[in-house]
Amino acid sequence: MPSRNTKFFSLILIIADFFVLLAAFTVAYIIRVQLDDRPLVNTVYALDYLSIALAILPLWIIVFASLGMYSSGIYNRRLMEWGRIIIGCVIGILIIIGWEYFTGKHFFPARLVAWYSLIGAALSVLLERELFRLIRSLAFRFGRGISRVLIVGNSEATHDIILALSTTHKSGYKIVAMTGPKRFIPQGLGITHFGSVEDAIRNIKTHSINTIIQTDLYDSEDRNQKILGAAQLNHIRYTFIPGEAGFYSGKNSVDVFLGYPMITVSQTPLVGWGAIVKRISDLLIILVFSPLWLPVFLLLCLFQKLFNPGPVLYNSRRLGLHDQMIDTYKFRSMKPELSGKDAAEIFRKMGREDLAVEYEKTRKIKNDPRITWFGRILRKTSLDEVPQLLNVIRGDMSIVGPRPILKEERKFYKDRAQLLFSVKPGITGLWQVSGRSNMSFEQRVDLELYYAQNWSFWLDVKIMFKTIGVVLFRKGAE
């Protein structure tokens, strides 16, 4: 969204949050004080209660703001927003309890009012935000609040950015023009192509453009300055998105060095405390859900013996943390005599050069002839990966992380492998929930790099929830 619209939307959210929280406090008071006949701990009259609430609620709004709940980056990240709403409400209640302690005055007439206020506030704000999300999507569909964008770039990232922003009702952006190689424009989007930057700049007002997105810098400093100057002259938004995947990190910092902007690209947050938190959360998840996955594991072992004679598990040597070899476990899905052998070589012996070429290009095969009928069921449902929970318990893998790769695949990662090997591989990951087998190898690597650089607990939670949907609807599984 344009910055002006974003600020207006944030202001509306602040006002809505204030009144929704006030309503939650009011309902909590009514339920416990007026509808519940049990005696109260403290006598707090309704007028005093509302007066104190009106004085304290601005602090809640400040807490919400400090958690980034009014920044544009949170609007399309539902799980992160939910988490911050709950955290903000807990902090808000603690502020009130602290106020009571230090002033000696009472705000809550009974302990249940505090619990009702906490639960009511969290649920009310969640519902309010979902309602605003729906309204914003509807506004985008009708062309309201949309940012009309000119894309400037010559890199492959240009095509990816156009595709990502093309769903206007979700992104709030409409790509109306582009300057750069015409092959980067997807078919059917009705985007105007300009042969030169100068032509594009001259038509900014003609196409009502209010945002310029540049994906790479030109060799000519004058040309780059001309693009930035056009944005300044027309009072429109300018954004530079580096085409190099290494810059796509939410942990990067921007500073000034000798008068020049300086971008510091950080290493993965999965070191130190990040690694400890991730390890503890992995073990807790496995322990909590053991009544679910253990019976499934034992039942599948039995089915393997009945329907897929041969070894139950398949042990594959893969590269793990710090480039060390690890043994990863899966339920065997291939014919016993073909497991563990080079895929391309097997396909060529079968006379299937087409499959050999496809495997060497994508490292994945559709309708793989090496797989048994029961193995195909295991793969389609992703149940073949259940034994990798043993790897997580052992500490070789994590529940979420980059895909563990074969040693011979390392050469395809080139100089990008080092960052991926600085984190543990995972059973599921960002690329698995973003297209899975339908994605190219390069796209998968880019997503894994993004995950390694931008890891957070909430990102893991989001990926795990999306994994459930991907498995249930079998999107891209092979």
Protein backbone atom coordinates (compact mmCIF):
# COMPACT_ATOMS: atom_id res chain seq x y z
CA MET A 1 0.00 0.00 0.00
CA PRO A 2 1.19 3.57 -0.51
CA SER A 3 2.58 5.13 2.64
CA ARG A 4 -0.29 7.63 2.85
CA ASN A 5 -2.89 4.87 2.76
CA THR A 6 -0.86 2.80 5.20
CA LYS A 7 -0.81 5.63 7.73
CA PHE A 8 -4.54 6.15 7.35
CA PHE A 9 -5.18 2.42 7.79
CA SER A 10 -2.96 2.37 10.90
CA LEU A 11 -4.87 5.33 12.37
CA ILE A 12 -8.17 3.51 11.81
CA LEU A 13 -6.74 0.42 13.53
CA ILE A 14 -5.61 2.46 16.55
CA ILE A 15 -9.09 3.96 16.98
CA ALA A 16 -10.77 0.58 16.46
CA ASP A 17 -8.43 -1.17 18.93
CA PHE A 18 -9.17 1.46 21.57
CA PHE A 19 -12.94 1.05 21.38
CA VAL A 20 -12.79 -2.73 21.05
CA LEU A 21 -10.63 -2.96 24.18
CA LEU A 22 -12.98 -0.61 26.02
CA ALA A 23 -15.93 -2.80 25.03
CA ALA A 24 -14.07 -5.93 26.24
CA PHE A 25 -13.44 -4.33 29.64
CA THR A 26 -17.07 -3.22 29.88
CA VAL A 27 -18.45 -6.67 29.04
CA ALA A 28 -16.05 -8.28 31.55
CA TYR A 29 -17.34 -5.96 34.29
CA ILE A 30 -21.00 -6.59 33.43
CA ILE A 31 -20.61 -10.39 33.34
CA ARG A 32 -18.92 -10.64 36.75
CA VAL A 33 -20.46 -7.73 38.66
CA GLN A 34 -24.02 -7.50 37.38
CA LEU A 35 -24.77 -11.03 36.12
CA ASP A 36 -22.87 -13.00 38.76
CA ASP A 37 -24.37 -13.05 42.29
CA ARG A 38 -21.20 -14.15 44.07
CA PRO A 39 -19.58 -11.60 46.41
CA LEU A 40 -16.86 -9.30 45.07
CA VAL A 41 -13.32 -9.00 46.39
CA ASN A 42 -13.31 -5.19 45.99
CA THR A 43 -16.05 -2.62 45.55
CA VAL A 44 -15.41 -0.77 42.29
CA TYR A 45 -18.25 1.33 40.94
CA ALA A 46 -18.94 1.28 37.19
CA LEU A 47 -18.08 4.96 36.69
CA ASP A 48 -14.74 4.60 38.48
CA TYR A 49 -14.00 1.41 36.53
CA LEU A 50 -14.63 3.09 33.18
CA SER A 51 -12.65 6.21 34.15
CA ILE A 52 -9.57 4.14 35.03
CA ALA A 53 -10.01 2.04 31.88
CA LEU A 54 -10.05 5.16 29.70
CA ALA A 55 -6.85 6.37 31.37
CA ILE A 56 -5.02 3.03 31.06
CA LEU A 57 -6.09 1.96 27.55
CA PRO A 58 -3.73 4.44 25.80
CA LEU A 59 -0.89 2.45 27.43
CA TRP A 60 -2.26 -0.69 25.75
CA ILE A 61 -2.18 1.09 22.42
CA ILE A 62 1.45 2.09 23.07
CA VAL A 63 2.26 -1.55 23.88
CA PHE A 64 0.57 -2.66 20.65
CA ALA A 65 2.53 -0.04 18.71
CA SER A 66 5.83 -1.14 20.30
CA LEU A 67 5.06 -4.70 19.15
CA GLY A 68 4.72 -3.43 15.57
CA MET A 69 0.98 -4.00 15.32
CA TYR A 70 0.46 -0.77 13.38
CA SER A 71 3.29 -1.27 10.88
CA SER A 72 2.42 -2.31 7.33
CA GLY A 73 4.69 -5.37 7.54
CA ILE A 74 2.31 -7.10 9.96
CA TYR A 75 -0.91 -6.73 7.99
CA ASN A 76 -0.43 -9.79 5.76
CA ARG A 77 1.27 -12.01 8.36
CA ARG A 78 -1.70 -13.45 10.18
CA LEU A 79 0.00 -15.82 12.64
CA MET A 80 2.56 -13.22 13.66
CA GLU A 81 -0.22 -10.68 14.21
CA TRP A 82 -2.22 -13.14 16.33
CA GLY A 83 0.82 -13.89 18.47
CA ARG A 84 1.54 -10.21 19.05
CA ILE A 85 -2.08 -9.50 19.93
CA ILE A 86 -2.00 -12.15 22.66
CA ILE A 87 1.37 -10.93 23.95
CA GLY A 88 0.16 -7.32 23.91
CA CYS A 89 -3.00 -8.19 25.88
CA VAL A 90 -1.00 -10.11 28.50
CA ILE A 91 1.39 -7.17 28.91
CA GLY A 92 -1.60 -4.81 29.15
CA ILE A 93 -3.17 -6.82 31.99
CA LEU A 94 0.18 -6.92 33.78
CA ILE A 95 0.40 -3.12 33.48
CA ILE A 96 -2.99 -2.80 35.21
CA ILE A 97 -1.99 -5.23 37.97
CA GLY A 98 1.24 -3.26 38.44
CA TRP A 99 -0.75 -0.03 38.61
CA GLU A 100 -2.96 -1.52 41.33
CA TYR A 101 0.09 -2.63 43.31
CA PHE A 102 1.93 0.69 43.23
CA THR A 103 -1.08 2.99 43.72
CA GLY A 104 -2.92 0.86 46.24
CA LYS A 105 -6.14 1.46 44.29
CA HIS A 106 -8.37 -1.29 42.90
CA PHE A 107 -9.41 -1.60 39.27
CA PHE A 108 -10.69 -5.18 39.10
CA PRO A 109 -13.60 -5.84 41.48
CA ALA A 110 -12.80 -9.58 41.25
CA ARG A 111 -10.06 -11.77 39.83
CA LEU A 112 -12.44 -13.14 37.19
CA VAL A 113 -12.83 -9.63 35.76
CA ALA A 114 -9.10 -9.66 34.96
CA TRP A 115 -9.41 -13.06 33.25
CA TYR A 116 -12.55 -12.03 31.38
CA SER A 117 -10.84 -8.81 30.30
CA LEU A 118 -7.74 -10.66 29.06
CA ILE A 119 -9.65 -13.30 27.11
CA GLY A 120 -12.25 -10.85 25.84
CA ALA A 121 -9.64 -8.30 24.77
CA ALA A 122 -7.56 -10.89 22.88
CA LEU A 123 -10.56 -12.44 21.10
CA SER A 124 -12.14 -9.07 20.32
CA VAL A 125 -8.98 -7.61 18.80
CA LEU A 126 -8.41 -10.82 16.82
CA LEU A 127 -11.92 -10.64 15.37
CA GLU A 128 -11.58 -6.92 14.70
CA ARG A 129 -8.29 -7.44 12.81
CA GLU A 130 -9.80 -10.25 10.74
CA LEU A 131 -12.75 -8.01 9.89
CA PHE A 132 -10.40 -5.22 8.80
CA ARG A 133 -8.36 -7.73 6.78
CA LEU A 134 -11.56 -8.73 4.95
CA ILE A 135 -12.55 -5.09 4.41
CA ARG A 136 -9.09 -4.25 3.09
CA SER A 137 -9.20 -7.17 0.63
CA LEU A 138 -12.63 -6.05 -0.58
CA ALA A 139 -11.32 -2.49 -0.98
CA PHE A 140 -8.42 -3.80 -3.07
CA ARG A 141 -10.84 -5.76 -5.27
CA PHE A 142 -12.74 -2.54 -5.99
CA GLY A 143 -9.55 -0.60 -6.68
CA ARG A 144 -9.47 1.37 -3.44
CA GLY A 145 -6.18 2.02 -1.63
CA ILE A 146 -4.14 0.29 -4.34
CA SER A 147 -0.59 1.29 -5.16
CA ARG A 148 -0.02 1.59 -8.93
CA VAL A 149 3.50 0.38 -9.57
CA LEU A 150 6.25 0.91 -12.13
CA ILE A 151 8.82 -1.91 -12.03
CA VAL A 152 12.37 -1.09 -13.11
CA GLY A 153 14.83 -3.96 -13.42
CA ASN A 154 16.84 -6.38 -15.52
CA SER A 155 17.34 -9.33 -13.14
CA GLU A 156 15.39 -12.57 -12.68
CA ALA A 157 14.07 -11.13 -9.42
CA THR A 158 12.00 -8.71 -11.54
CA HIS A 159 9.84 -11.53 -12.86
CA ASP A 160 9.39 -13.04 -9.37
CA ILE A 161 8.38 -9.69 -7.87
CA ILE A 162 5.83 -9.05 -10.63
CA LEU A 163 4.29 -12.49 -10.03
CA ALA A 164 4.24 -12.00 -6.26
CA LEU A 165 2.48 -8.63 -6.51
CA SER A 166 0.11 -9.57 -9.32
CA THR A 167 -2.63 -10.77 -6.95
CA THR A 168 -3.80 -7.23 -6.25
CA HIS A 169 -6.61 -8.17 -3.83
CA LYS A 170 -3.97 -9.66 -1.50
CA SER A 171 -0.92 -7.47 -2.06
CA GLY A 172 -2.57 -4.08 -2.57
CA TYR A 173 -0.27 -3.46 -5.54
CA LYS A 174 -1.13 -3.25 -9.23
CA ILE A 175 1.76 -3.50 -11.67
CA VAL A 176 0.80 -1.10 -14.43
CA ALA A 177 4.14 -0.62 -16.19
CA MET A 178 7.60 -2.14 -16.44
CA THR A 179 10.91 -1.18 -18.03
CA GLY A 180 13.49 -3.85 -18.66
CA PRO A 181 13.54 -7.12 -20.63
CA LYS A 182 10.04 -7.81 -21.90
CA ARG A 183 10.43 -11.55 -21.26
CA PHE A 184 10.11 -10.88 -17.51
CA ILE A 185 6.46 -9.80 -17.92
CA PRO A 186 4.07 -12.71 -17.27
CA GLN A 187 1.36 -13.22 -19.85
CA GLY A 188 -2.15 -11.90 -19.33
CA LEU A 189 -1.46 -9.18 -16.76
CA GLY A 190 -1.95 -6.21 -19.09
CA ILE A 191 1.31 -4.54 -18.07
CA THR A 192 2.61 -1.72 -20.27
CA HIS A 193 6.21 -2.26 -21.35
CA PHE A 194 8.57 0.67 -21.87
CA GLY A 195 11.74 0.18 -23.88
CA SER A 196 13.75 2.65 -21.82
CA VAL A 197 13.80 4.19 -18.36
CA GLU A 198 13.36 7.62 -19.88
CA ASP A 199 10.10 6.59 -21.62
CA ALA A 200 8.78 5.12 -18.36
CA ILE A 201 9.58 8.27 -16.40
CA ARG A 202 7.82 10.48 -18.95
CA ASN A 203 4.63 8.42 -18.56
CA ILE A 204 4.45 8.35 -14.75
CA LYS A 205 1.52 10.77 -14.60
CA THR A 206 -0.17 9.28 -17.68
CA HIS A 207 -0.43 5.90 -15.93
CA SER A 208 -1.15 7.41 -12.49
CA ILE A 209 1.88 5.65 -11.03
CA ASN A 210 2.42 6.28 -7.31
CA THR A 211 5.15 3.71 -6.55
CA ILE A 212 8.44 2.81 -8.26
CA ILE A 213 10.11 -0.51 -7.44
CA GLN A 214 13.67 -0.94 -8.72
CA THR A 215 15.23 -4.41 -8.55
CA ASP A 216 18.82 -3.73 -9.59
CA LEU A 217 21.09 -0.77 -10.21
CA TYR A 218 22.25 0.36 -13.65
CA ASP A 219 25.93 0.86 -14.42
CA SER A 220 25.15 4.49 -15.11
CA GLU A 221 24.91 6.54 -11.93
CA ASP A 222 23.01 9.25 -13.85
CA ARG A 223 20.32 6.77 -14.87
CA ASN A 224 19.85 5.53 -11.28
CA GLN A 225 19.65 9.10 -10.05
CA LYS A 226 17.12 9.89 -12.77
CA ILE A 227 14.80 7.15 -11.46
CA LEU A 228 15.10 8.30 -7.85
CA GLY A 229 14.72 11.92 -8.93
CA ALA A 230 11.52 11.10 -10.81
CA ALA A 231 10.04 9.63 -7.64
CA GLN A 232 11.04 12.71 -5.65
CA LEU A 233 9.77 15.11 -8.29
CA ASN A 234 6.37 13.41 -8.53
CA HIS A 235 6.15 12.86 -4.74
CA ILE A 236 5.68 9.12 -5.11
CA ARG A 237 7.07 6.16 -3.21
CA TYR A 238 10.42 4.63 -4.25
CA THR A 239 11.58 1.17 -3.16
CA PHE A 240 14.80 -0.62 -4.04
CA ILE A 241 14.73 -4.43 -3.78
CA PRO A 242 18.17 -6.03 -4.35
CA GLY A 243 18.02 -8.89 -6.83
CA GLU A 244 20.55 -10.91 -4.83
CA ALA A 245 18.89 -13.42 -2.50
CA GLY A 246 21.49 -12.77 0.17
CA PHE A 247 20.00 -9.35 0.85
CA TYR A 248 16.53 -10.77 1.58
CA SER A 249 16.97 -10.95 5.32
CA GLY A 250 14.76 -9.41 7.95
CA LYS A 251 17.80 -9.41 10.27
CA ASN A 252 19.84 -7.05 8.11
CA SER A 253 20.69 -3.62 9.49
CA VAL A 254 21.04 -0.34 7.66
CA ASP A 255 23.51 2.28 8.92
CA VAL A 256 25.50 5.19 7.59
CA PHE A 257 29.24 4.87 6.95
CA LEU A 258 31.21 7.91 5.74
CA GLY A 259 27.95 9.43 4.56
CA TYR A 260 26.92 6.31 2.56
CA PRO A 261 24.07 3.91 3.36
CA MET A 262 25.59 0.66 4.63
CA ILE A 263 23.68 -2.65 4.62
CA THR A 264 25.04 -5.22 7.06
CA VAL A 265 23.92 -8.75 6.12
CA SER A 266 23.72 -10.79 9.31
CA GLN A 267 24.34 -14.49 9.73
CA THR A 268 21.49 -16.82 10.60
CA PRO A 269 19.76 -16.18 13.94
CA LEU A 270 19.93 -19.96 14.51
CA VAL A 271 23.08 -19.66 16.60
CA GLY A 272 23.44 -19.19 20.33
CA TRP A 273 20.06 -18.73 22.02
CA GLY A 274 18.23 -19.17 18.73
CA ALA A 275 19.60 -22.71 18.37
CA ILE A 276 18.74 -23.49 22.02
CA VAL A 277 15.16 -22.24 21.67
CA LYS A 278 14.69 -24.24 18.47
CA ARG A 279 16.05 -27.44 20.03
CA ILE A 280 13.83 -27.14 23.11
CA SER A 281 10.73 -26.41 21.00
CA ASP A 282 11.47 -29.43 18.75
CA LEU A 283 11.67 -31.80 21.74
CA LEU A 284 8.55 -30.32 23.37
CA ILE A 285 6.53 -30.71 20.17
CA ILE A 286 7.63 -34.34 19.74
CA LEU A 287 6.83 -35.10 23.40
CA VAL A 288 3.41 -33.42 23.37
CA PHE A 289 2.32 -35.09 20.13
CA SER A 290 3.86 -38.52 20.85
CA PRO A 291 0.37 -40.05 21.49
CA LEU A 292 -0.40 -39.18 17.85
CA TRP A 293 2.76 -39.98 15.93
CA LEU A 294 3.95 -43.08 17.84
CA PRO A 295 0.88 -45.24 17.01
CA VAL A 296 1.07 -44.06 13.37
CA PHE A 297 4.76 -44.99 13.25
CA LEU A 298 4.15 -48.51 14.63
CA LEU A 299 1.15 -49.10 12.35
CA LEU A 300 3.11 -48.04 9.26
CA CYS A 301 5.94 -50.39 10.25
CA LEU A 302 3.39 -53.24 10.20
CA PHE A 303 1.95 -52.13 6.84
CA GLN A 304 5.44 -51.97 5.38
CA LYS A 305 5.99 -55.63 6.29
CA LEU A 306 2.64 -56.63 4.79
CA PHE A 307 2.51 -54.56 1.60
CA ASN A 308 6.10 -53.59 0.87
CA PRO A 309 8.28 -56.65 1.66
CA GLY A 310 11.90 -55.85 2.46
CA PRO A 311 13.57 -53.42 4.84
CA VAL A 312 11.02 -51.23 6.67
CA LEU A 313 13.22 -48.14 6.83
CA TYR A 314 15.51 -46.59 4.27
CA ASN A 315 18.68 -45.03 5.59
CA SER A 316 20.04 -42.22 3.42
CA ARG A 317 23.38 -40.53 4.05
CA ARG A 318 22.88 -36.77 3.82
CA LEU A 319 24.74 -33.58 4.56
CA GLY A 320 23.67 -31.97 7.82
CA LEU A 321 24.82 -29.25 10.17
CA HIS A 322 28.34 -27.93 9.46
CA ASP A 323 28.65 -30.10 6.35
CA GLN A 324 28.71 -33.30 8.45
CA MET A 325 27.29 -36.57 7.12
CA ILE A 326 24.16 -37.79 8.94
CA ASP A 327 21.92 -40.85 8.57
CA THR A 328 18.36 -39.81 7.76
CA TYR A 329 15.49 -42.27 8.08
CA LYS A 330 12.41 -42.73 5.93
CA PHE A 331 9.94 -45.50 5.28
CA ARG A 332 11.29 -47.25 2.20
CA SER A 333 9.13 -46.39 -0.82
CA MET A 334 11.28 -47.86 -3.63
CA LYS A 335 11.87 -51.41 -4.73
CA PRO A 336 14.56 -52.90 -2.44
CA GLU A 337 17.04 -53.55 -5.25
CA LEU A 338 16.89 -49.90 -6.42
CA SER A 339 17.10 -48.09 -3.07
CA GLY A 340 20.27 -46.12 -2.47
CA LYS A 341 21.52 -46.20 -6.06
CA ASP A 342 22.14 -43.22 -8.33
CA ALA A 343 18.79 -42.24 -9.83
CA ALA A 344 20.07 -40.88 -13.14
CA GLU A 345 22.11 -44.03 -13.73
CA ILE A 346 19.10 -46.27 -13.01
CA PHE A 347 16.88 -44.31 -15.40
CA ARG A 348 19.47 -44.58 -18.17
CA LYS A 349 19.68 -48.34 -17.64
CA MET A 350 15.89 -48.41 -18.00
CA GLY A 351 16.22 -46.54 -21.29
CA ARG A 352 14.50 -43.47 -19.81
CA GLU A 353 16.90 -40.68 -20.75
CA ASP A 354 14.03 -38.19 -20.30
CA LEU A 355 13.73 -39.11 -16.61
CA ALA A 356 17.50 -38.94 -16.14
CA VAL A 357 17.58 -35.42 -17.58
CA GLU A 358 14.58 -34.34 -15.49
CA TYR A 359 16.18 -35.66 -12.30
CA GLU A 360 19.51 -33.96 -13.02
CA LYS A 361 17.67 -30.68 -13.58
CA THR A 362 15.15 -30.62 -10.69
CA ARG A 363 16.29 -33.48 -8.39
CA LYS A 364 12.66 -34.63 -8.45
CA ILE A 365 10.70 -37.02 -10.69
CA LYS A 366 6.99 -37.27 -11.36
CA ASN A 367 5.65 -40.83 -11.73
CA ASP A 368 8.96 -42.34 -10.62
CA PRO A 369 9.04 -45.99 -11.88
CA ARG A 370 11.31 -47.03 -8.99
CA ILE A 371 8.51 -46.55 -6.43
CA THR A 372 6.21 -49.38 -5.29
CA TRP A 373 2.43 -48.95 -5.12
CA PHE A 374 2.46 -48.71 -1.32
CA GLY A 375 5.51 -46.47 -1.45
CA ARG A 376 3.57 -44.13 -3.73
CA ILE A 377 0.85 -43.86 -1.08
CA LEU A 378 3.47 -43.09 1.56
CA ARG A 379 4.95 -40.34 -0.58
CA LYS A 380 1.63 -38.84 -1.60
CA THR A 381 0.62 -38.55 2.07
CA SER A 382 4.18 -37.61 3.19
CA LEU A 383 3.97 -40.45 5.74
CA ASP A 384 7.30 -41.76 4.47
CA GLU A 385 8.94 -38.93 6.44
CA VAL A 386 7.53 -39.91 9.86
CA PRO A 387 10.73 -41.83 10.85
CA GLN A 388 12.69 -38.57 10.55
CA LEU A 389 11.21 -37.68 13.93
CA LEU A 390 13.84 -40.10 15.24
CA ASN A 391 16.47 -37.85 13.63
CA VAL A 392 14.97 -34.87 15.45
CA ILE A 393 15.11 -36.72 18.79
CA ARG A 394 18.71 -37.67 18.10
CA GLY A 395 19.56 -34.04 17.28
CA ASP A 396 20.61 -34.54 13.64
CA MET A 397 17.59 -32.69 12.26
CA SER A 398 14.92 -30.19 13.24
CA ILE A 399 11.18 -30.30 12.56
CA VAL A 400 11.53 -27.22 10.32
CA GLY A 401 14.63 -26.41 8.30
CA PRO A 402 16.33 -26.66 4.90
CA ARG A 403 16.05 -29.93 3.01
CA PRO A 404 18.85 -32.41 3.84
CA ILE A 405 20.78 -32.96 0.60
CA LEU A 406 22.88 -35.76 -0.83
CA LYS A 407 26.62 -35.23 -0.91
CA GLU A 408 26.64 -35.25 -4.71
CA GLU A 409 24.00 -32.50 -4.76
CA ARG A 410 26.27 -30.07 -2.95
CA LYS A 411 27.84 -28.88 -6.20
CA PHE A 412 24.47 -27.55 -7.39
CA TYR A 413 24.34 -25.12 -4.44
CA LYS A 414 27.65 -23.54 -5.46
CA ASP A 415 28.76 -20.79 -3.08
CA ARG A 416 25.36 -20.64 -1.36
CA ALA A 417 25.79 -23.92 0.52
CA GLN A 418 27.72 -22.52 3.47
CA LEU A 419 24.79 -20.60 4.93
CA LEU A 420 22.45 -23.59 4.59
CA PHE A 421 24.93 -25.86 6.35
CA SER A 422 25.08 -23.45 9.28
CA VAL A 423 21.60 -24.65 10.36
CA LYS A 424 20.14 -28.12 10.92
CA PRO A 425 18.14 -29.63 8.05
CA GLY A 426 14.42 -30.14 8.66
CA ILE A 427 11.60 -32.59 7.99
CA THR A 428 9.55 -29.76 6.49
CA GLY A 429 10.55 -26.30 5.36
CA LEU A 430 9.63 -23.11 3.60
CA TRP A 431 9.93 -24.50 0.08
CA GLN A 432 7.81 -27.55 0.91
CA VAL A 433 4.87 -25.31 1.83
CA SER A 434 5.45 -22.90 -1.08
CA GLY A 435 4.97 -25.20 -4.05
CA ARG A 436 6.99 -28.28 -3.17
CA SER A 437 7.78 -30.35 -6.30
CA ASN A 438 6.21 -27.71 -8.55
CA MET A 439 9.11 -25.32 -7.87
CA SER A 440 12.40 -25.13 -9.72
CA PHE A 441 15.61 -26.08 -7.94
CA GLU A 442 16.82 -22.47 -7.88
CA GLN A 443 13.57 -21.27 -6.33
CA ARG A 444 13.83 -23.91 -3.63
CA VAL A 445 17.38 -22.86 -2.76
CA ASP A 446 16.34 -19.19 -2.59
CA LEU A 447 13.53 -20.04 -0.14
CA GLU A 448 15.85 -22.12 2.02
CA LEU A 449 18.34 -19.25 2.13
CA TYR A 450 15.55 -16.90 3.13
CA TYR A 451 14.54 -19.25 5.95
CA ALA A 452 18.12 -19.54 7.24
CA GLN A 453 18.50 -15.75 7.34
CA ASN A 454 15.04 -14.90 8.67
CA TRP A 455 14.35 -17.68 11.15
CA SER A 456 12.01 -16.93 14.03
CA PHE A 457 9.87 -19.08 16.30
CA TRP A 458 6.73 -17.69 14.65
CA LEU A 459 8.04 -18.52 11.18
CA ASP A 460 8.44 -22.15 12.31
CA VAL A 461 4.89 -22.17 13.68
CA LYS A 462 3.55 -20.75 10.42
CA ILE A 463 5.42 -23.37 8.35
CA MET A 464 4.15 -26.21 10.56
CA PHE A 465 0.54 -25.04 10.18
CA LYS A 466 0.98 -24.70 6.41
CA THR A 467 2.56 -28.17 6.26
CA ILE A 468 -0.64 -29.67 7.65
CA GLY A 469 -2.63 -28.01 4.85
CA VAL A 470 -0.14 -29.07 2.19
CA VAL A 471 -0.19 -32.70 3.37
CA LEU A 472 -3.98 -32.84 3.65
CA PHE A 473 -4.52 -31.38 0.17
CA ARG A 474 -1.39 -33.11 -1.26
CA LYS A 475 -0.19 -30.01 -3.08
CA GLY A 476 2.98 -30.72 -5.02
CA ALA A 477 3.84 -33.95 -3.19
CA GLU A 478 5.69 -36.51 -5.24
